[in-house]
PDB file of N, CA and C in Angstrom:
ATOM      1  N   MET A   1     -14.221 -25.288  17.165  1.00  0.00           N
ATOM      2  CA  MET A   1     -12.930 -24.899  16.642  1.00  0.00           C
ATOM      3  C   MET A   1     -13.150 -23.965  15.445  1.00  0.00           C
ATOM      4  N   ALA A   2     -12.433 -22.881  15.402  1.00  0.00           N
ATOM      5  CA  ALA A   2     -12.525 -21.945  14.290  1.00  0.00           C
ATOM      6  C   ALA A   2     -11.519 -22.353  13.218  1.00  0.00           C
ATOM      7  N   TYR A   3     -11.969 -22.368  12.003  1.00  0.00           N
ATOM      8  CA  TYR A   3     -11.107 -22.744  10.893  1.00  0.00           C
ATOM      9  C   TYR A   3     -10.711 -21.490  10.129  1.00  0.00           C
ATOM     10  N   GLU A   4      -9.490 -21.476   9.646  1.00  0.00           N
ATOM     11  CA  GLU A   4      -8.987 -20.347   8.880  1.00  0.00           C
ATOM     12  C   GLU A   4      -9.244 -20.607   7.397  1.00  0.00           C
ATOM     13  N   TYR A   5     -10.501 -20.507   7.005  1.00  0.00           N
ATOM     14  CA  TYR A   5     -10.865 -20.793   5.621  1.00  0.00           C
ATOM     15  C   TYR A   5     -10.079 -19.938   4.636  1.00  0.00           C
ATOM     16  N   ALA A   6      -9.941 -18.648   4.930  1.00  0.00           N
ATOM     17  CA  ALA A   6      -9.278 -17.721   4.007  1.00  0.00           C
ATOM     18  C   ALA A   6      -7.833 -18.122   3.727  1.00  0.00           C
ATOM     19  N   LYS A   7      -7.212 -18.788   4.681  1.00  0.00           N
ATOM     20  CA  LYS A   7      -5.819 -19.224   4.526  1.00  0.00           C
ATOM     21  C   LYS A   7      -5.655 -20.196   3.353  1.00  0.00           C
ATOM     22  N   TYR A   8      -6.703 -20.955   3.057  1.00  0.00           N
ATOM     23  CA  TYR A   8      -6.620 -21.988   2.030  1.00  0.00           C
ATOM     24  C   TYR A   8      -7.152 -21.540   0.671  1.00  0.00           C
ATOM     25  N   VAL A   9      -7.759 -20.375   0.603  1.00  0.00           N
ATOM     26  CA  VAL A   9      -8.323 -19.895  -0.657  1.00  0.00           C
ATOM     27  C   VAL A   9      -7.258 -19.769  -1.757  1.00  0.00           C
ATOM     28  N   PRO A  10      -6.096 -19.144  -1.501  1.00  0.00           N
ATOM     29  CA  PRO A  10      -5.098 -19.048  -2.577  1.00  0.00           C
ATOM     30  C   PRO A  10      -4.628 -20.415  -3.092  1.00  0.00           C
ATOM     31  N   VAL A  11      -4.499 -21.372  -2.200  1.00  0.00           N
ATOM     32  CA  VAL A  11      -4.052 -22.708  -2.610  1.00  0.00           C
ATOM     33  C   VAL A  11      -5.115 -23.374  -3.471  1.00  0.00           C
ATOM     34  N   ILE A  12      -6.362 -23.292  -3.034  1.00  0.00           N
ATOM     35  CA  ILE A  12      -7.446 -23.927  -3.790  1.00  0.00           C
ATOM     36  C   ILE A  12      -7.622 -23.235  -5.141  1.00  0.00           C
ATOM     37  N   LYS A  13      -7.477 -21.915  -5.173  1.00  0.00           N
ATOM     38  CA  LYS A  13      -7.527 -21.203  -6.453  1.00  0.00           C
ATOM     39  C   LYS A  13      -6.383 -21.651  -7.364  1.00  0.00           C
ATOM     40  N   ALA A  14      -5.206 -21.824  -6.796  1.00  0.00           N
ATOM     41  CA  ALA A  14      -4.058 -22.262  -7.593  1.00  0.00           C
ATOM     42  C   ALA A  14      -4.309 -23.631  -8.206  1.00  0.00           C
ATOM     43  N   LEU A  15      -5.024 -24.474  -7.499  1.00  0.00           N
ATOM     44  CA  LEU A  15      -5.299 -25.822  -7.983  1.00  0.00           C
ATOM     45  C   LEU A  15      -6.498 -25.883  -8.925  1.00  0.00           C
ATOM     46  N   SER A  16      -7.124 -24.748  -9.184  1.00  0.00           N
ATOM     47  CA  SER A  16      -8.330 -24.733 -10.016  1.00  0.00           C
ATOM     48  C   SER A  16      -8.026 -24.616 -11.505  1.00  0.00           C
ATOM     49  N   ASP A  17      -6.790 -24.836 -11.885  1.00  0.00           N
ATOM     50  CA  ASP A  17      -6.381 -24.744 -13.279  1.00  0.00           C
ATOM     51  C   ASP A  17      -5.800 -26.080 -13.724  1.00  0.00           C
ATOM     52  N   GLU A  18      -6.232 -26.566 -14.883  1.00  0.00           N
ATOM     53  CA  GLU A  18      -5.784 -27.883 -15.366  1.00  0.00           C
ATOM     54  C   GLU A  18      -4.272 -27.955 -15.547  1.00  0.00           C
ATOM     55  N   THR A  19      -3.673 -26.922 -16.115  1.00  0.00           N
ATOM     56  CA  THR A  19      -2.225 -26.933 -16.314  1.00  0.00           C
ATOM     57  C   THR A  19      -1.503 -27.024 -14.980  1.00  0.00           C
ATOM     58  N   ARG A  20      -1.946 -26.251 -13.998  1.00  0.00           N
ATOM     59  CA  ARG A  20      -1.289 -26.284 -12.692  1.00  0.00           C
ATOM     60  C   ARG A  20      -1.481 -27.629 -11.999  1.00  0.00           C
ATOM     61  N   LEU A  21      -2.636 -28.249 -12.178  1.00  0.00           N
ATOM     62  CA  LEU A  21      -2.831 -29.592 -11.619  1.00  0.00           C
ATOM     63  C   LEU A  21      -1.871 -30.588 -12.257  1.00  0.00           C
ATOM     64  N   LYS A  22      -1.660 -30.463 -13.549  1.00  0.00           N
ATOM     65  CA  LYS A  22      -0.715 -31.356 -14.235  1.00  0.00           C
ATOM     66  C   LYS A  22       0.714 -31.108 -13.754  1.00  0.00           C
ATOM     67  N   ILE A  23       1.056 -29.858 -13.507  1.00  0.00           N
ATOM     68  CA  ILE A  23       2.390 -29.545 -12.986  1.00  0.00           C
ATOM     69  C   ILE A  23       2.570 -30.169 -11.609  1.00  0.00           C
ATOM     70  N   ILE A  24       1.563 -30.072 -10.759  1.00  0.00           N
ATOM     71  CA  ILE A  24       1.605 -30.695  -9.428  1.00  0.00           C
ATOM     72  C   ILE A  24       1.811 -32.198  -9.578  1.00  0.00           C
ATOM     73  N   ASP A  25       1.081 -32.807 -10.513  1.00  0.00           N
ATOM     74  CA  ASP A  25       1.218 -34.241 -10.753  1.00  0.00           C
ATOM     75  C   ASP A  25       2.652 -34.574 -11.181  1.00  0.00           C
ATOM     76  N   MET A  26       3.229 -33.770 -12.061  1.00  0.00           N
ATOM     77  CA  MET A  26       4.607 -33.997 -12.500  1.00  0.00           C
ATOM     78  C   MET A  26       5.579 -33.875 -11.324  1.00  0.00           C
ATOM     79  N   LEU A  27       5.370 -32.872 -10.481  1.00  0.00           N
ATOM     80  CA  LEU A  27       6.281 -32.646  -9.355  1.00  0.00           C
ATOM     81  C   LEU A  27       6.120 -33.688  -8.252  1.00  0.00           C
ATOM     82  N   SER A  28       5.043 -34.460  -8.305  1.00  0.00           N
ATOM     83  CA  SER A  28       4.865 -35.512  -7.293  1.00  0.00           C
ATOM     84  C   SER A  28       5.948 -36.587  -7.425  1.00  0.00           C
ATOM     85  N   CYS A  29       6.607 -36.646  -8.575  1.00  0.00           N
ATOM     86  CA  CYS A  29       7.682 -37.616  -8.793  1.00  0.00           C
ATOM     87  C   CYS A  29       9.037 -37.086  -8.348  1.00  0.00           C
ATOM     88  N   GLY A  30       9.097 -35.810  -8.006  1.00  0.00           N
ATOM     89  CA  GLY A  30      10.350 -35.230  -7.560  1.00  0.00           C
ATOM     90  C   GLY A  30      10.632 -33.899  -8.232  1.00  0.00           C
ATOM     91  N   GLU A  31      11.759 -33.324  -7.872  1.00  0.00           N
ATOM     92  CA  GLU A  31      12.144 -32.016  -8.399  1.00  0.00           C
ATOM     93  C   GLU A  31      12.334 -32.061  -9.914  1.00  0.00           C
ATOM     94  N   LEU A  32      11.886 -30.979 -10.566  1.00  0.00           N
ATOM     95  CA  LEU A  32      12.048 -30.874 -12.011  1.00  0.00           C
ATOM     96  C   LEU A  32      12.527 -29.486 -12.387  1.00  0.00           C
ATOM     97  N   CYS A  33      13.341 -29.448 -13.404  1.00  0.00           N
ATOM     98  CA  CYS A  33      13.771 -28.187 -13.994  1.00  0.00           C
ATOM     99  C   CYS A  33      12.588 -27.614 -14.783  1.00  0.00           C
ATOM    100  N   ALA A  34      12.492 -26.306 -14.797  1.00  0.00           N
ATOM    101  CA  ALA A  34      11.428 -25.660 -15.570  1.00  0.00           C
ATOM    102  C   ALA A  34      11.475 -26.105 -17.029  1.00  0.00           C
ATOM    103  N   CYS A  35      12.667 -26.342 -17.543  1.00  0.00           N
ATOM    104  CA  CYS A  35      12.801 -26.773 -18.939  1.00  0.00           C
ATOM    105  C   CYS A  35      12.100 -28.109 -19.172  1.00  0.00           C
ATOM    106  N   LYS A  36      12.169 -29.024 -18.205  1.00  0.00           N
ATOM    107  CA  LYS A  36      11.499 -30.328 -18.328  1.00  0.00           C
ATOM    108  C   LYS A  36       9.989 -30.180 -18.240  1.00  0.00           C
ATOM    109  N   ILE A  37       9.535 -29.288 -17.379  1.00  0.00           N
ATOM    110  CA  ILE A  37       8.092 -29.032 -17.280  1.00  0.00           C
ATOM    111  C   ILE A  37       7.602 -28.434 -18.592  1.00  0.00           C
ATOM    112  N   LEU A  38       8.355 -27.491 -19.116  1.00  0.00           N
ATOM    113  CA  LEU A  38       7.979 -26.798 -20.347  1.00  0.00           C
ATOM    114  C   LEU A  38       7.866 -27.758 -21.528  1.00  0.00           C
ATOM    115  N   GLU A  39       8.699 -28.788 -21.561  1.00  0.00           N
ATOM    116  CA  GLU A  39       8.661 -29.768 -22.656  1.00  0.00           C
ATOM    117  C   GLU A  39       7.325 -30.494 -22.748  1.00  0.00           C
ATOM    118  N   ARG A  40       6.622 -30.609 -21.637  1.00  0.00           N
ATOM    119  CA  ARG A  40       5.373 -31.377 -21.581  1.00  0.00           C
ATOM    120  C   ARG A  40       4.131 -30.586 -21.998  1.00  0.00           C
ATOM    121  N   PHE A  41       4.285 -29.286 -22.182  1.00  0.00           N
ATOM    122  CA  PHE A  41       3.137 -28.439 -22.468  1.00  0.00           C
ATOM    123  C   PHE A  41       3.344 -27.655 -23.751  1.00  0.00           C
ATOM    124  N   SER A  42       2.263 -27.282 -24.371  1.00  0.00           N
ATOM    125  CA  SER A  42       2.315 -26.417 -25.558  1.00  0.00           C
ATOM    126  C   SER A  42       2.088 -24.978 -25.110  1.00  0.00           C
ATOM    127  N   ILE A  43       2.989 -24.500 -24.247  1.00  0.00           N
ATOM    128  CA  ILE A  43       2.892 -23.137 -23.728  1.00  0.00           C
ATOM    129  C   ILE A  43       4.262 -22.475 -23.843  1.00  0.00           C
ATOM    130  N   THR A  44       4.266 -21.179 -23.736  1.00  0.00           N
ATOM    131  CA  THR A  44       5.527 -20.435 -23.794  1.00  0.00           C
ATOM    132  C   THR A  44       6.174 -20.398 -22.413  1.00  0.00           C
ATOM    133  N   GLN A  45       7.439 -20.030 -22.383  1.00  0.00           N
ATOM    134  CA  GLN A  45       8.147 -19.913 -21.117  1.00  0.00           C
ATOM    135  C   GLN A  45       7.503 -18.859 -20.216  1.00  0.00           C
ATOM    136  N   PRO A  46       7.062 -17.693 -20.737  1.00  0.00           N
ATOM    137  CA  PRO A  46       6.380 -16.727 -19.863  1.00  0.00           C
ATOM    138  C   PRO A  46       5.081 -17.277 -19.267  1.00  0.00           C
ATOM    139  N   THR A  47       4.371 -18.100 -20.024  1.00  0.00           N
ATOM    140  CA  THR A  47       3.139 -18.699 -19.497  1.00  0.00           C
ATOM    141  C   THR A  47       3.468 -19.689 -18.386  1.00  0.00           C
ATOM    142  N   LEU A  48       4.522 -20.472 -18.572  1.00  0.00           N
ATOM    143  CA  LEU A  48       4.940 -21.383 -17.508  1.00  0.00           C
ATOM    144  C   LEU A  48       5.348 -20.585 -16.275  1.00  0.00           C
ATOM    145  N   SER A  49       6.080 -19.516 -16.470  1.00  0.00           N
ATOM    146  CA  SER A  49       6.486 -18.674 -15.333  1.00  0.00           C
ATOM    147  C   SER A  49       5.280 -18.145 -14.581  1.00  0.00           C
ATOM    148  N   TYR A  50       4.236 -17.771 -15.297  1.00  0.00           N
ATOM    149  CA  TYR A  50       2.988 -17.307 -14.675  1.00  0.00           C
ATOM    150  C   TYR A  50       2.405 -18.399 -13.780  1.00  0.00           C
ATOM    151  N   HIS A  51       2.303 -19.609 -14.318  1.00  0.00           N
ATOM    152  CA  HIS A  51       1.737 -20.723 -13.537  1.00  0.00           C
ATOM    153  C   HIS A  51       2.616 -21.041 -12.325  1.00  0.00           C
ATOM    154  N   MET A  52       3.921 -21.025 -12.521  1.00  0.00           N
ATOM    155  CA  MET A  52       4.822 -21.349 -11.416  1.00  0.00           C
ATOM    156  C   MET A  52       4.774 -20.267 -10.337  1.00  0.00           C
ATOM    157  N   ARG A  53       4.589 -19.023 -10.738  1.00  0.00           N
ATOM    158  CA  ARG A  53       4.478 -17.940  -9.758  1.00  0.00           C
ATOM    159  C   ARG A  53       3.246 -18.155  -8.880  1.00  0.00           C
ATOM    160  N   ILE A  54       2.142 -18.537  -9.484  1.00  0.00           N
ATOM    161  CA  ILE A  54       0.917 -18.796  -8.716  1.00  0.00           C
ATOM    162  C   ILE A  54       1.147 -19.945  -7.738  1.00  0.00           C
ATOM    163  N   LEU A  55       1.777 -21.006  -8.204  1.00  0.00           N
ATOM    164  CA  LEU A  55       2.025 -22.177  -7.350  1.00  0.00           C
ATOM    165  C   LEU A  55       3.017 -21.870  -6.230  1.00  0.00           C
ATOM    166  N   THR A  56       4.018 -21.043  -6.517  1.00  0.00           N
ATOM    167  CA  THR A  56       4.997 -20.728  -5.472  1.00  0.00           C
ATOM    168  C   THR A  56       4.456 -19.689  -4.492  1.00  0.00           C
ATOM    169  N   GLU A  57       3.689 -18.729  -4.973  1.00  0.00           N
ATOM    170  CA  GLU A  57       3.151 -17.696  -4.078  1.00  0.00           C
ATOM    171  C   GLU A  57       2.198 -18.272  -3.035  1.00  0.00           C
ATOM    172  N   CYS A  58       1.466 -19.318  -3.395  1.00  0.00           N
ATOM    173  CA  CYS A  58       0.549 -19.921  -2.418  1.00  0.00           C
ATOM    174  C   CYS A  58       1.272 -20.945  -1.542  1.00  0.00           C
ATOM    175  N   GLY A  59       2.520 -21.258  -1.883  1.00  0.00           N
ATOM    176  CA  GLY A  59       3.346 -22.086  -1.019  1.00  0.00           C
ATOM    177  C   GLY A  59       3.354 -23.574  -1.283  1.00  0.00           C
ATOM    178  N   ILE A  60       2.633 -24.049  -2.288  1.00  0.00           N
ATOM    179  CA  ILE A  60       2.614 -25.502  -2.500  1.00  0.00           C
ATOM    180  C   ILE A  60       3.783 -25.988  -3.354  1.00  0.00           C
ATOM    181  N   VAL A  61       4.478 -25.053  -3.991  1.00  0.00           N
ATOM    182  CA  VAL A  61       5.674 -25.380  -4.769  1.00  0.00           C
ATOM    183  C   VAL A  61       6.782 -24.425  -4.327  1.00  0.00           C
ATOM    184  N   THR A  62       7.982 -24.944  -4.252  1.00  0.00           N
ATOM    185  CA  THR A  62       9.137 -24.094  -3.981  1.00  0.00           C
ATOM    186  C   THR A  62      10.127 -24.265  -5.131  1.00  0.00           C
ATOM    187  N   GLY A  63      10.953 -23.257  -5.294  1.00  0.00           N
ATOM    188  CA  GLY A  63      11.897 -23.303  -6.398  1.00  0.00           C
ATOM    189  C   GLY A  63      13.287 -22.886  -5.951  1.00  0.00           C
ATOM    190  N   ARG A  64      14.262 -23.332  -6.713  1.00  0.00           N
ATOM    191  CA  ARG A  64      15.641 -22.912  -6.487  1.00  0.00           C
ATOM    192  C   ARG A  64      16.279 -22.659  -7.842  1.00  0.00           C
ATOM    193  N   ARG A  65      17.050 -21.610  -7.907  1.00  0.00           N
ATOM    194  CA  ARG A  65      17.721 -21.234  -9.152  1.00  0.00           C
ATOM    195  C   ARG A  65      19.005 -22.040  -9.307  1.00  0.00           C
ATOM    196  N   ASP A  66      19.225 -22.520 -10.516  1.00  0.00           N
ATOM    197  CA  ASP A  66      20.458 -23.219 -10.879  1.00  0.00           C
ATOM    198  C   ASP A  66      20.901 -22.649 -12.218  1.00  0.00           C
ATOM    199  N   GLY A  67      21.752 -21.646 -12.149  1.00  0.00           N
ATOM    200  CA  GLY A  67      22.168 -20.961 -13.369  1.00  0.00           C
ATOM    201  C   GLY A  67      20.996 -20.204 -13.968  1.00  0.00           C
ATOM    202  N   ALA A  68      20.711 -20.486 -15.220  1.00  0.00           N
ATOM    203  CA  ALA A  68      19.623 -19.794 -15.915  1.00  0.00           C
ATOM    204  C   ALA A  68      18.261 -20.422 -15.645  1.00  0.00           C
ATOM    205  N   TRP A  69      18.242 -21.618 -15.075  1.00  0.00           N
ATOM    206  CA  TRP A  69      16.984 -22.347 -14.903  1.00  0.00           C
ATOM    207  C   TRP A  69      16.551 -22.423 -13.448  1.00  0.00           C
ATOM    208  N   MET A  70      15.251 -22.558 -13.305  1.00  0.00           N
ATOM    209  CA  MET A  70      14.662 -22.792 -11.986  1.00  0.00           C
ATOM    210  C   MET A  70      14.326 -24.278 -11.878  1.00  0.00           C
ATOM    211  N   HIS A  71      14.533 -24.805 -10.703  1.00  0.00           N
ATOM    212  CA  HIS A  71      14.137 -26.177 -10.389  1.00  0.00           C
ATOM    213  C   HIS A  71      13.042 -26.094  -9.343  1.00  0.00           C
ATOM    214  N   TYR A  72      11.975 -26.845  -9.557  1.00  0.00           N
ATOM    215  CA  TYR A  72      10.805 -26.772  -8.688  1.00  0.00           C
ATOM    216  C   TYR A  72      10.537 -28.111  -8.028  1.00  0.00           C
ATOM    217  N   HIS A  73       9.989 -28.044  -6.825  1.00  0.00           N
ATOM    218  CA  HIS A  73       9.535 -29.256  -6.145  1.00  0.00           C
ATOM    219  C   HIS A  73       8.338 -28.915  -5.263  1.00  0.00           C
ATOM    220  N   LEU A  74       7.584 -29.950  -4.941  1.00  0.00           N
ATOM    221  CA  LEU A  74       6.415 -29.765  -4.080  1.00  0.00           C
ATOM    222  C   LEU A  74       6.863 -29.454  -2.666  1.00  0.00           C
ATOM    223  N   ASN A  75       6.113 -28.593  -2.007  1.00  0.00           N
ATOM    224  CA  ASN A  75       6.307 -28.335  -0.590  1.00  0.00           C
ATOM    225  C   ASN A  75       5.422 -29.346   0.137  1.00  0.00           C
ATOM    226  N   ASN A  76       6.011 -30.474   0.512  1.00  0.00           N
ATOM    227  CA  ASN A  76       5.230 -31.563   1.108  1.00  0.00           C
ATOM    228  C   ASN A  76       4.560 -31.160   2.409  1.00  0.00           C
ATOM    229  N   GLU A  77       5.175 -30.277   3.155  1.00  0.00           N
ATOM    230  CA  GLU A  77       4.562 -29.808   4.398  1.00  0.00           C
ATOM    231  C   GLU A  77       3.257 -29.063   4.108  1.00  0.00           C
ATOM    232  N   LYS A  78       3.296 -28.167   3.130  1.00  0.00           N
ATOM    233  CA  LYS A  78       2.102 -27.402   2.758  1.00  0.00           C
ATOM    234  C   LYS A  78       1.038 -28.312   2.158  1.00  0.00           C
ATOM    235  N   MET A  79       1.459 -29.290   1.348  1.00  0.00           N
ATOM    236  CA  MET A  79       0.500 -30.222   0.762  1.00  0.00           C
ATOM    237  C   MET A  79      -0.157 -31.070   1.847  1.00  0.00           C
ATOM    238  N   GLY A  80       0.616 -31.479   2.856  1.00  0.00           N
ATOM    239  CA  GLY A  80       0.051 -32.239   3.972  1.00  0.00           C
ATOM    240  C   GLY A  80      -0.946 -31.410   4.765  1.00  0.00           C
ATOM    241  N   GLU A  81      -0.619 -30.143   4.964  1.00  0.00           N
ATOM    242  CA  GLU A  81      -1.519 -29.227   5.669  1.00  0.00           C
ATOM    243  C   GLU A  81      -2.831 -29.080   4.903  1.00  0.00           C
ATOM    244  N   LEU A  82      -2.743 -28.936   3.589  1.00  0.00           N
ATOM    245  CA  LEU A  82      -3.941 -28.822   2.755  1.00  0.00           C
ATOM    246  C   LEU A  82      -4.766 -30.104   2.818  1.00  0.00           C
ATOM    247  N   THR A  83      -4.099 -31.240   2.759  1.00  0.00           N
ATOM    248  CA  THR A  83      -4.794 -32.523   2.833  1.00  0.00           C
ATOM    249  C   THR A  83      -5.535 -32.660   4.162  1.00  0.00           C
ATOM    250  N   ARG A  84      -4.874 -32.283   5.256  1.00  0.00           N
ATOM    251  CA  ARG A  84      -5.532 -32.357   6.567  1.00  0.00           C
ATOM    252  C   ARG A  84      -6.737 -31.418   6.633  1.00  0.00           C
ATOM    253  N   PHE A  85      -6.585 -30.199   6.100  1.00  0.00           N
ATOM    254  CA  PHE A  85      -7.694 -29.252   6.097  1.00  0.00           C
ATOM    255  C   PHE A  85      -8.877 -29.797   5.304  1.00  0.00           C
ATOM    256  N   LEU A  86      -8.614 -30.337   4.111  1.00  0.00           N
ATOM    257  CA  LEU A  86      -9.703 -30.874   3.296  1.00  0.00           C
ATOM    258  C   LEU A  86     -10.365 -32.071   3.961  1.00  0.00           C
ATOM    259  N   THR A  87      -9.588 -32.873   4.665  1.00  0.00           N
ATOM    260  CA  THR A  87     -10.157 -34.011   5.381  1.00  0.00           C
ATOM    261  C   THR A  87     -11.089 -33.535   6.481  1.00  0.00           C
ATOM    262  N   VAL A  88     -10.653 -32.554   7.246  1.00  0.00           N
ATOM    263  CA  VAL A  88     -11.504 -32.005   8.313  1.00  0.00           C
ATOM    264  C   VAL A  88     -12.725 -31.319   7.711  1.00  0.00           C
ATOM    265  N   LEU A  89     -12.512 -30.570   6.650  1.00  0.00           N
ATOM    266  CA  LEU A  89     -13.592 -29.827   6.014  1.00  0.00           C
ATOM    267  C   LEU A  89     -14.706 -30.742   5.532  1.00  0.00           C
ATOM    268  N   THR A  90     -14.339 -31.918   5.045  1.00  0.00           N
ATOM    269  CA  THR A  90     -15.327 -32.825   4.450  1.00  0.00           C
ATOM    270  C   THR A  90     -15.760 -33.947   5.381  1.00  0.00           C
ATOM    271  N   SER A  91     -15.388 -33.862   6.652  1.00  0.00           N
ATOM    272  CA  SER A  91     -15.746 -34.889   7.624  1.00  0.00           C
ATOM    273  C   SER A  91     -16.755 -34.350   8.628  1.00  0.00           C
ATOM    274  N   PHE A  92     -17.521 -35.258   9.208  1.00  0.00           N
ATOM    275  CA  PHE A  92     -18.442 -34.865  10.269  1.00  0.00           C
ATOM    276  C   PHE A  92     -17.644 -34.388  11.472  1.00  0.00           C
ATOM    277  N   LYS A  93     -18.133 -33.325  12.085  1.00  0.00           N
ATOM    278  CA  LYS A  93     -17.514 -32.816  13.304  1.00  0.00           C
ATOM    279  C   LYS A  93     -18.572 -32.120  14.140  1.00  0.00           C
ATOM    280  N   GLU A  94     -18.454 -32.271  15.441  1.00  0.00           N
ATOM    281  CA  GLU A  94     -19.427 -31.674  16.360  1.00  0.00           C
ATOM    282  C   GLU A  94     -19.471 -30.158  16.250  1.00  0.00           C
ATOM    283  N   ASP A  95     -18.323 -29.552  16.011  1.00  0.00           N
ATOM    284  CA  ASP A  95     -18.269 -28.090  15.954  1.00  0.00           C
ATOM    285  C   ASP A  95     -18.369 -27.567  14.521  1.00  0.00           C
ATOM    286  N   CYS A  96     -19.081 -28.293  13.664  1.00  0.00           N
ATOM    287  CA  CYS A  96     -19.261 -27.889  12.278  1.00  0.00           C
ATOM    288  C   CYS A  96     -19.924 -26.511  12.220  1.00  0.00           C
ATOM    289  N   ILE A  97     -19.614 -25.776  11.201  1.00  0.00           N
ATOM    290  CA  ILE A  97     -20.168 -24.437  11.039  1.00  0.00           C
ATOM    291  C   ILE A  97     -21.703 -24.473  11.026  1.00  0.00           C
ATOM    292  N   CYS A  98     -22.296 -25.529  10.484  1.00  0.00           N
ATOM    293  CA  CYS A  98     -23.760 -25.620  10.462  1.00  0.00           C
ATOM    294  C   CYS A  98     -24.310 -25.772  11.875  1.00  0.00           C
ATOM    295  N   ASN A  99     -23.608 -26.472  12.743  1.00  0.00           N
ATOM    296  CA  ASN A  99     -24.048 -26.606  14.129  1.00  0.00           C
ATOM    297  C   ASN A  99     -23.910 -25.295  14.887  1.00  0.00           C
ATOM    298  N   ARG A 100     -22.851 -24.570  14.597  1.00  0.00           N
ATOM    299  CA  ARG A 100     -22.667 -23.277  15.256  1.00  0.00           C
ATOM    300  C   ARG A 100     -23.773 -22.316  14.845  1.00  0.00           C
ATOM    301  N   CYS A 101     -24.175 -22.345  13.593  1.00  0.00           N
ATOM    302  CA  CYS A 101     -25.262 -21.467  13.119  1.00  0.00           C
ATOM    303  C   CYS A 101     -26.589 -21.908  13.734  1.00  0.00           C
ATOM    304  N   ASN A 102     -26.832 -23.227  13.807  1.00  0.00           N
ATOM    305  CA  ASN A 102     -28.063 -23.718  14.416  1.00  0.00           C
ATOM    306  C   ASN A 102     -28.143 -23.366  15.892  1.00  0.00           C
ATOM    307  N   ASN A 103     -27.031 -23.455  16.600  1.00  0.00           N
ATOM    308  CA  ASN A 103     -27.025 -23.136  18.023  1.00  0.00           C
ATOM    309  C   ASN A 103     -27.325 -21.665  18.254  1.00  0.00           C
ATOM    310  N   LYS A 104     -26.843 -20.787  17.381  1.00  0.00           N
ATOM    311  CA  LYS A 104     -27.123 -19.352  17.517  1.00  0.00           C
ATOM    312  C   LYS A 104     -28.601 -19.079  17.288  1.00  0.00           C
ATOM    313  N   SER A 105     -29.206 -19.738  16.286  1.00  0.00           N
ATOM    314  CA  SER A 105     -30.612 -19.485  16.019  1.00  0.00           C
ATOM    315  C   SER A 105     -31.493 -20.064  17.126  1.00  0.00           C
ATOM    316  N   LYS A 106     -31.081 -21.183  17.740  1.00  0.00           N
ATOM    317  CA  LYS A 106     -31.826 -21.756  18.853  1.00  0.00           C
ATOM    318  C   LYS A 106     -31.764 -20.846  20.067  1.00  0.00           C
ATOM    319  N   ALA A 107     -30.607 -20.210  20.275  1.00  0.00           N
ATOM    320  CA  ALA A 107     -30.446 -19.316  21.416  1.00  0.00           C
ATOM    321  C   ALA A 107     -31.345 -18.085  21.278  1.00  0.00           C
ATOM    322  N   LYS A 108     -31.582 -17.656  20.037  1.00  0.00           N
ATOM    323  CA  LYS A 108     -32.444 -16.498  19.806  1.00  0.00           C
ATOM    324  C   LYS A 108     -33.911 -16.859  19.975  1.00  0.00           C
ATOM    325  N   GLY A 109     -34.282 -18.111  19.682  1.00  0.00           N
ATOM    326  CA  GLY A 109     -35.679 -18.538  19.652  1.00  0.00           C
ATOM    327  C   GLY A 109     -36.161 -18.895  20.975  1.00  0.00           C
TER     328      GLY A 109
END
């Protein structure tokens, strides 16, 4: 089976920041207004917007505008997809990339 590794790179990069991981943790409890997220951090509103843009562009967070504020929540479908990918990635499988490489070298030898 061929895996679409590149598809998950933006998500994994988005999760490689401590602030964004904390935001994900906060959103695991449900939808939050940007103002509530901002209260928990010593960052400016533009910095929060930067982090939220990264999280929304990779699809793990979605947002909706309510007047002047944005409300954010986790995209559970995307998070489930990521969880399944990581489970497969870290589990034994017959068609592992290492086996495919070994089979090619055996065919040449």
